[in-house]
Amino acid sequence: MEGNYEIHTLIGSRTEEQTFPPSPQWSQWTMSDPAERPSKVHLSLADLTDEERAMLPKNGQSLEMFLTLIGTRRLALQRKRVKGEIERDQDVKAESMQPRETAKIIQLPIFPQETRPTVNALARSALFAAIQGKDRQKLWNEKIASAEGVEIFFTGEQFNQDDHDTFMQLVTMASQKPLGDYVTIPAHTLLKALGRGTSGKEHNQLRIEIKRLVFGGVEVKTKEYEYFGHLIDDAIQDKDSRYWCLKLNKNLKPLYSQTAYTLIDWEQRKLLKGKDLARWLHTEIVTHANPFPRSVVYLHEKSGSKTVELYKFRQLLKKALDNLKSIGVITSWEIDVSDLVHVDRGVDIPASQQRYLTKPKARRRPTRQARE
């Protein structure tokens, strides 16, 4: 072995770090098997460091003992160092053989380009209410009207159908990356995908909607999952390029499990621009493979409509149903004498929901909420 060796050695009562040149004999012992090394090492004066020379005894008999002591101590320290390296190498080897846990990538489904995903529990509730912007309220841990078996609480400035469209579009764009990763989206591209203009007014509306989705706190409880959090974790926009950089909450995954969401026809959806109740009905109806009758009262409550008089809401409801029929979401509708709303989706039902219609079902009576 060539060069200097660095060890920690005890001299007197001090522990110091020092280097010393090895003799050929010392190099041989260092390289040999530890078990074959002698228990003592006899050094010559030439092997001593300057500090060790300063400690030399004055008589020859003591000198021999001193040299033996120094050599033995050096060997013991070297053995200790070699043993430590062997143990360290063994530990490193053992650690490398242990199976390593890799980071789990959470990915949303890849949605077809002509569709957008709506979460069933949210679409069937008043979370994205059928209201105009001027009718928004600021809510604090407010219980939101929702379907049977679902509880929703909300804190923040009330969402409406414009916010729902923006959220569905953002989810679609973000689905190309692992859930929870930042995604960069040009504001111009986002507005065009929403079927909106690209003037300063539309850019400002988009900014407010994203801000609202970031700040709004949502709590959703179903028999399959329980979610607490914001729909968008955070967002930032570059003022020069107008590019948005944002990330969805990584805990949204259960809301997009196989049976928890429905794909809606996006071109149909854009034809309903500005028609709040029709857009709410659109997502509510298409989340059911075979919608059963709902009472006008039920739809009034679950849509979050601010229209107080029920007869006025019924008039708005009829217009909204006509809107859906005109673009092919439903083929017919009827409000019977008991004020139950019947709709027929006809052949518009997507293949993903057809399987629910092939199984024979017992005739289902409307729930108490639907009959009211």
Foldseek 3Di string as FASTA:
>chain_A
DDDWDWFWADDDNDIDIDIFGDDPVRVVCLPDDVVPHDQWDADDPVRDDPVLVVVADDDDVVNRVSRRVVRNRVSVRSVVVVVVVVVVVVVVVVVVPDDDDDDDFAAFDQDDPQWFKDFQFLLQFQQQFLDDPVPKDADDQDWTGTDPQKTKTKGGIGHHVVLVLLLRLVCNQCRVGGAFAKDKAALCVSQVLLVHDDDPVVLVVSVVSVVRQCPMWMWMDGPQDTDTGGQWPDWDADPPRRMIITGGDNVCRVSRPLLRIDIDRSVLLSLCPPLGLLNSVLRNVLNALADDWFALQLSCRRNVDPDDDSVVSVVSVVVSVVSCCVSLQFVDWDQDPLRIIHTHSPPVRDPSSVVVVVDDDDDDDDDPNRSD
